[in-house]
Amino acid sequence: MMENMPLLQLPVLLSPYTDELLSSWISRHATFYAVPPLVMLRHCLPEVRSVRAADLHVSEDQAVRLASMFAIEPAVLRRMTFIDVPKSSHRLLAARPTQYCTRCSPDGPEPAPILRSQLSGWRITCPLCGDLLRAENGREVPSPFGQYRLAARRGEKLLDDEAERGNRTWTSPVEIARLLLMRRVIWPLPREHELWRYRVLGAIIPDLDEVVAAGQVNLPTPAKPILPLQLRPALLAGVAIVERAGPEMLRMLREHMMGDNKVRFSDAAENMIAQAGELRASGQMQLI
């Protein structure tokens, strides 16, 4: 019955910060009104099971109801979420803040506001000021991949264009990133306990293998391709290099694999190449 009750605007409203995440804004209101964040959200959307769901899975009707309670336009509220981010790019959304901008991340009483960019696992720079982001733990660790800076910035833009604007070139940058994090083989074969270290990305960014070994870093799986901030430029640069080289580079990279892994890589790569061909043919037809 609560869905049919008229929604009342909150008597006191807190202004959202630029780029603030909707769940963060809700949590700050909850603190002000001394209630749990989920209680605050369910005051408007009783059917929602978690505050994080408000960032990812709000329908148009739910967005209108929330916007009414918080006295903002539904379009503005949607921009505080990841609702319009393609599902494929959701793999690059962190569950909690992994980075922040020393210039743009607001200070204040708990709970500290959380910006959308703090969960964007494809970013190495702040979308507001362009400064390099810093890891959430506050430690300033320089990336060992500084020589790939320009390519990394281009890879960041490719992934950002796909996530935030739905734009891509001949294929999905997210899918390229996933392929680059699949395991590869090297010769002579390493010892079994070292196999985890070698990824397809290392065939493009040779420094990666040594950096991973030295830091004993557990690289993520292709299912959730979010690298630690200091290693992220390597993946972004790899995405940019493959995107610029074109489909044939995917065929070249599969030669670094074997067995079932090679079959999975080949199937995914050929599907991407076929879609690129269809896209190119469609574009040519439009020119006729």
Protein backbone atom coordinates (compact mmCIF):
# COMPACT_ATOMS: atom_id res chain seq x y z
CA MET A 1 0.00 0.00 0.00
CA MET A 2 2.93 2.34 0.61
CA GLU A 3 3.55 2.56 -3.16
CA ASN A 4 0.17 4.30 -3.55
CA MET A 5 0.68 6.83 -0.78
CA PRO A 6 1.56 10.39 -1.87
CA LEU A 7 5.24 11.14 -1.34
CA LEU A 8 6.14 14.12 0.78
CA GLN A 9 9.25 16.14 0.12
CA LEU A 10 11.78 15.94 2.93
CA PRO A 11 11.53 19.03 5.13
CA VAL A 12 15.30 19.58 5.12
CA LEU A 13 17.34 18.82 2.01
CA LEU A 14 21.11 18.61 1.74
CA SER A 15 22.69 19.87 -1.46
CA PRO A 16 24.44 17.15 -3.47
CA TYR A 17 28.11 17.56 -4.28
CA THR A 18 29.21 17.64 -7.90
CA ASP A 19 29.47 14.03 -9.16
CA GLU A 20 28.11 12.66 -5.87
CA LEU A 21 26.73 9.14 -5.94
CA LEU A 22 23.02 8.80 -5.19
CA SER A 23 23.57 6.26 -2.41
CA SER A 24 26.03 8.68 -0.81
CA TRP A 25 23.48 11.49 -0.91
CA ILE A 26 20.82 9.22 0.59
CA SER A 27 23.23 8.14 3.33
CA ARG A 28 24.02 11.74 4.24
CA HIS A 29 20.31 12.47 4.55
CA ALA A 30 19.91 9.34 6.67
CA THR A 31 22.62 10.57 9.04
CA PHE A 32 20.94 13.96 9.27
CA TYR A 33 17.58 12.35 10.13
CA ALA A 34 19.23 9.75 12.41
CA VAL A 35 17.92 6.70 10.57
CA PRO A 36 19.71 3.88 8.72
CA PRO A 37 20.29 4.60 5.00
CA LEU A 38 18.09 1.70 3.90
CA VAL A 39 15.23 3.02 6.04
CA MET A 40 15.63 6.40 4.37
CA LEU A 41 15.54 4.82 0.92
CA ARG A 42 12.59 2.57 1.73
CA HIS A 43 10.63 5.57 2.94
CA CYS A 44 10.29 6.25 -0.78
CA LEU A 45 10.96 2.85 -2.37
CA PRO A 46 9.83 0.12 0.05
CA GLU A 47 10.52 -2.57 -2.53
CA VAL A 48 14.28 -1.84 -2.75
CA ARG A 49 16.50 -4.30 -0.88
CA SER A 50 19.77 -2.36 -0.65
CA VAL A 51 21.05 1.19 -0.89
CA ARG A 52 23.54 0.12 -3.56
CA ALA A 53 20.61 -0.94 -5.74
CA ALA A 54 19.68 2.74 -6.01
CA ASP A 55 22.94 3.33 -7.88
CA LEU A 56 22.45 0.50 -10.34
CA HIS A 57 18.88 -0.66 -10.84
CA VAL A 58 16.33 2.13 -10.43
CA SER A 59 13.44 2.14 -12.89
CA GLU A 60 12.03 5.30 -14.46
CA ASP A 61 9.08 5.25 -12.07
CA GLN A 62 11.36 4.77 -9.06
CA ALA A 63 13.60 7.60 -10.24
CA VAL A 64 10.58 9.90 -10.48
CA ARG A 65 9.47 8.97 -6.95
CA LEU A 66 12.94 9.51 -5.51
CA ALA A 67 13.32 12.80 -7.35
CA SER A 68 10.01 13.95 -5.88
CA MET A 69 11.11 13.18 -2.33
CA PHE A 70 14.46 14.93 -2.79
CA ALA A 71 13.02 17.80 -4.85
CA ILE A 72 15.27 17.45 -7.89
CA GLU A 73 14.67 16.64 -11.54
CA PRO A 74 14.61 12.91 -12.40
CA ALA A 75 17.28 13.48 -15.06
CA VAL A 76 19.58 15.03 -12.46
CA LEU A 77 18.97 12.11 -10.12
CA ARG A 78 19.77 9.59 -12.86
CA ARG A 79 23.11 11.30 -13.47
CA MET A 80 23.98 10.59 -9.82
CA THR A 81 23.74 6.86 -10.55
CA PHE A 82 25.13 4.23 -12.91
CA ILE A 83 21.67 3.36 -14.22
CA ASP A 84 22.49 4.39 -17.78
CA VAL A 85 25.91 2.71 -17.82
CA PRO A 86 25.84 -0.35 -20.15
CA LYS A 87 25.68 -3.69 -18.36
CA SER A 88 29.04 -4.70 -19.79
CA SER A 89 30.68 -1.72 -18.08
CA HIS A 90 29.17 -2.72 -14.72
CA ARG A 91 32.10 -5.14 -14.46
CA LEU A 92 34.29 -2.09 -13.97
CA LEU A 93 32.24 -0.62 -11.13
CA ALA A 94 33.77 -1.18 -7.71
CA ALA A 95 31.53 -2.09 -4.78
CA ARG A 96 33.21 0.52 -2.58
CA PRO A 97 35.50 3.52 -3.14
CA THR A 98 38.93 2.55 -4.43
CA GLN A 99 40.33 6.00 -5.24
CA TYR A 100 39.79 9.69 -4.71
CA CYS A 101 40.87 13.09 -5.98
CA THR A 102 42.82 15.21 -3.52
CA ARG A 103 41.33 18.35 -5.08
CA CYS A 104 37.70 17.41 -5.77
CA SER A 105 36.75 14.79 -3.17
CA PRO A 106 34.88 16.79 -0.52
CA ASP A 107 35.87 16.80 3.12
CA GLY A 108 33.24 16.87 5.78
CA PRO A 109 31.65 15.05 8.68
CA GLU A 110 30.91 11.35 8.45
CA PRO A 111 29.64 9.86 6.31
CA ALA A 112 32.03 11.41 3.82
CA PRO A 113 30.43 12.05 0.43
CA ILE A 114 31.29 9.46 -2.22
CA LEU A 115 31.71 10.56 -5.83
CA ARG A 116 30.83 8.40 -8.82
CA SER A 117 34.44 8.53 -9.99
CA GLN A 118 35.56 6.82 -6.78
CA LEU A 119 33.84 3.62 -7.97
CA SER A 120 34.80 3.90 -11.64
CA GLY A 121 37.36 1.14 -12.10
CA TRP A 122 38.45 2.43 -15.50
CA ARG A 123 39.56 5.84 -14.26
CA ILE A 124 43.07 7.01 -13.39
CA THR A 125 42.23 10.72 -13.57
CA CYS A 126 39.52 12.83 -11.98
CA PRO A 127 36.68 13.61 -14.43
CA LEU A 128 36.20 17.01 -12.79
CA CYS A 129 39.71 18.47 -12.72
CA GLY A 130 41.87 15.99 -14.64
CA ASP A 131 44.31 15.35 -11.78
CA LEU A 132 45.63 11.86 -11.19
CA LEU A 133 43.56 9.93 -8.68
CA ARG A 134 45.04 8.58 -5.47
CA ALA A 135 44.37 5.17 -3.93
CA GLU A 136 41.71 5.20 -1.22
CA ASN A 137 44.25 4.18 1.43
CA GLY A 138 45.85 7.59 0.94
CA ARG A 139 49.25 6.25 -0.06
CA GLU A 140 50.72 7.95 -3.09
CA VAL A 141 52.28 5.05 -5.00
CA PRO A 142 53.67 6.06 -8.40
CA SER A 143 52.69 3.78 -11.24
CA PRO A 144 55.53 1.66 -12.64
CA PHE A 145 53.98 2.16 -16.08
CA GLY A 146 54.63 5.88 -16.50
CA GLN A 147 56.07 5.34 -19.98
CA TYR A 148 52.61 4.24 -21.13
CA ARG A 149 50.95 7.40 -19.81
CA LEU A 150 49.59 8.67 -23.14
CA ALA A 151 48.25 5.28 -24.20
CA ALA A 152 46.70 4.82 -20.74
CA ARG A 153 44.90 8.15 -21.02
CA ARG A 154 43.53 7.10 -24.39
CA GLY A 155 42.41 3.75 -22.96
CA GLU A 156 40.71 5.57 -20.10
CA LYS A 157 38.83 7.73 -22.61
CA LEU A 158 37.76 4.70 -24.66
CA LEU A 159 36.33 2.98 -21.58
CA ASP A 160 34.77 6.19 -20.31
CA ASP A 161 33.11 6.87 -23.66
CA GLU A 162 31.58 3.40 -23.61
CA ALA A 163 30.45 3.56 -19.98
CA GLU A 164 29.18 7.13 -19.81
CA ARG A 165 28.08 7.82 -23.38
CA GLY A 166 27.54 4.41 -24.96
CA ASN A 167 30.13 5.17 -27.63
CA ARG A 168 32.63 2.64 -28.95
CA THR A 169 34.81 2.23 -32.02
CA TRP A 170 35.11 -1.16 -33.76
CA THR A 171 34.49 -3.16 -30.59
CA SER A 172 33.83 -2.90 -26.86
CA PRO A 173 36.84 -1.64 -24.86
CA VAL A 174 35.50 -3.56 -21.85
CA GLU A 175 35.64 -6.80 -23.81
CA ILE A 176 39.21 -6.02 -24.87
CA ALA A 177 40.10 -5.50 -21.20
CA ARG A 178 38.56 -8.84 -20.29
CA LEU A 179 40.52 -10.69 -22.98
CA LEU A 180 43.75 -9.05 -21.86
CA LEU A 181 43.30 -10.42 -18.35
CA MET A 182 43.00 -14.02 -19.51
CA ARG A 183 45.96 -16.24 -18.71
CA ARG A 184 48.68 -16.83 -21.26
CA VAL A 185 51.53 -19.32 -21.49
CA ILE A 186 55.22 -18.55 -21.77
CA TRP A 187 58.10 -20.77 -22.79
CA PRO A 188 59.77 -22.44 -21.10
CA LEU A 189 56.76 -23.18 -18.93
CA PRO A 190 57.07 -21.67 -15.44
CA ARG A 191 56.53 -23.65 -12.28
CA GLU A 192 52.90 -24.41 -11.53
CA HIS A 193 52.64 -21.98 -8.63
CA GLU A 194 53.76 -19.15 -10.95
CA LEU A 195 51.20 -19.69 -13.72
CA TRP A 196 48.76 -17.18 -12.22
CA ARG A 197 51.19 -14.37 -12.95
CA TYR A 198 51.08 -14.43 -16.74
CA ARG A 199 48.23 -12.68 -18.54
CA VAL A 200 47.69 -11.81 -22.20
CA LEU A 201 48.29 -8.18 -21.24
CA GLY A 202 51.91 -9.06 -20.54
CA ALA A 203 52.42 -9.83 -24.23
CA ILE A 204 51.67 -6.16 -24.96
CA ILE A 205 53.10 -4.56 -21.82
CA PRO A 206 56.24 -6.65 -21.15
CA ASP A 207 56.98 -4.87 -17.86
CA LEU A 208 53.81 -6.30 -16.33
CA ASP A 209 55.14 -9.78 -15.56
CA GLU A 210 58.08 -8.46 -13.58
CA VAL A 211 56.00 -5.87 -11.71
CA VAL A 212 53.40 -8.47 -10.73
CA ALA A 213 56.08 -10.91 -9.61
CA ALA A 214 57.94 -8.30 -7.57
CA GLY A 215 54.81 -7.11 -5.81
CA GLN A 216 53.16 -10.52 -5.53
CA VAL A 217 50.01 -8.85 -6.82
CA ASN A 218 46.91 -10.96 -7.39
CA LEU A 219 45.54 -9.70 -10.68
CA PRO A 220 41.75 -9.81 -11.03
CA THR A 221 39.90 -12.23 -13.26
CA PRO A 222 38.28 -11.15 -16.54
CA ALA A 223 34.92 -11.26 -14.77
CA LYS A 224 35.81 -8.18 -12.70
CA PRO A 225 38.69 -6.42 -14.48
CA ILE A 226 39.45 -3.72 -11.90
CA LEU A 227 43.18 -3.42 -11.30
CA PRO A 228 44.82 -1.65 -8.36
CA LEU A 229 45.27 2.01 -9.21
CA GLN A 230 49.05 1.82 -9.65
CA LEU A 231 48.70 -1.07 -12.13
CA ARG A 232 45.65 0.25 -13.95
CA PRO A 233 47.62 2.27 -16.55
CA ALA A 234 48.98 -1.00 -17.94
CA LEU A 235 45.51 -2.35 -18.67
CA LEU A 236 44.27 0.97 -20.04
CA ALA A 237 47.31 1.22 -22.31
CA GLY A 238 46.75 -2.36 -23.46
CA VAL A 239 43.15 -1.58 -24.36
CA ALA A 240 44.24 1.48 -26.35
CA ILE A 241 46.98 -0.45 -28.18
CA VAL A 242 44.64 -3.28 -29.21
CA GLU A 243 41.86 -0.89 -30.20
CA ARG A 244 44.22 1.10 -32.41
CA ALA A 245 45.86 -1.98 -33.96
CA GLY A 246 42.50 -3.46 -34.88
CA PRO A 247 41.02 -6.97 -35.07
CA GLU A 248 44.14 -8.70 -36.38
CA MET A 249 45.94 -8.03 -33.11
CA LEU A 250 43.40 -10.21 -31.30
CA ARG A 251 44.27 -13.07 -33.64
CA MET A 252 47.94 -12.50 -32.94
CA LEU A 253 47.43 -12.50 -29.18
CA ARG A 254 45.65 -15.85 -29.12
CA GLU A 255 48.94 -17.47 -30.13
CA HIS A 256 50.10 -16.78 -26.58
CA MET A 257 47.54 -19.23 -25.24
CA MET A 258 46.82 -22.94 -25.32
CA GLY A 259 44.13 -25.48 -24.50
CA ASP A 260 40.65 -24.52 -23.36
CA ASN A 261 41.80 -21.01 -22.55
CA LYS A 262 42.83 -20.49 -26.17
CA VAL A 263 39.46 -21.80 -27.37
CA ARG A 264 37.59 -19.40 -25.09
CA PHE A 265 39.78 -16.49 -26.17
CA SER A 266 39.38 -17.37 -29.86
CA ASP A 267 35.60 -17.68 -29.60
CA ALA A 268 35.29 -14.30 -27.88
CA ALA A 269 37.76 -12.62 -30.23
CA GLU A 270 36.15 -13.98 -33.40
CA ASN A 271 32.75 -12.84 -32.18
CA MET A 272 34.15 -9.33 -31.62
CA ILE A 273 35.81 -9.35 -35.05
CA ALA A 274 32.60 -10.52 -36.75
CA GLN A 275 30.61 -7.76 -35.07
CA ALA A 276 33.24 -5.24 -36.16
CA GLY A 277 32.86 -6.46 -39.75
CA GLU A 278 29.09 -6.09 -39.59
CA LEU A 279 29.46 -2.59 -38.18
CA ARG A 280 31.88 -1.62 -40.95
CA ALA A 281 29.61 -3.07 -43.65
CA SER A 282 26.63 -1.21 -42.22
CA GLY A 283 28.58 2.04 -42.27
CA GLN A 284 29.60 1.51 -45.89
CA MET A 285 26.00 0.81 -46.91
CA GLN A 286 24.93 4.11 -45.39
CA LEU A 287 27.45 5.90 -47.61
CA ILE A 288 26.01 4.40 -50.80
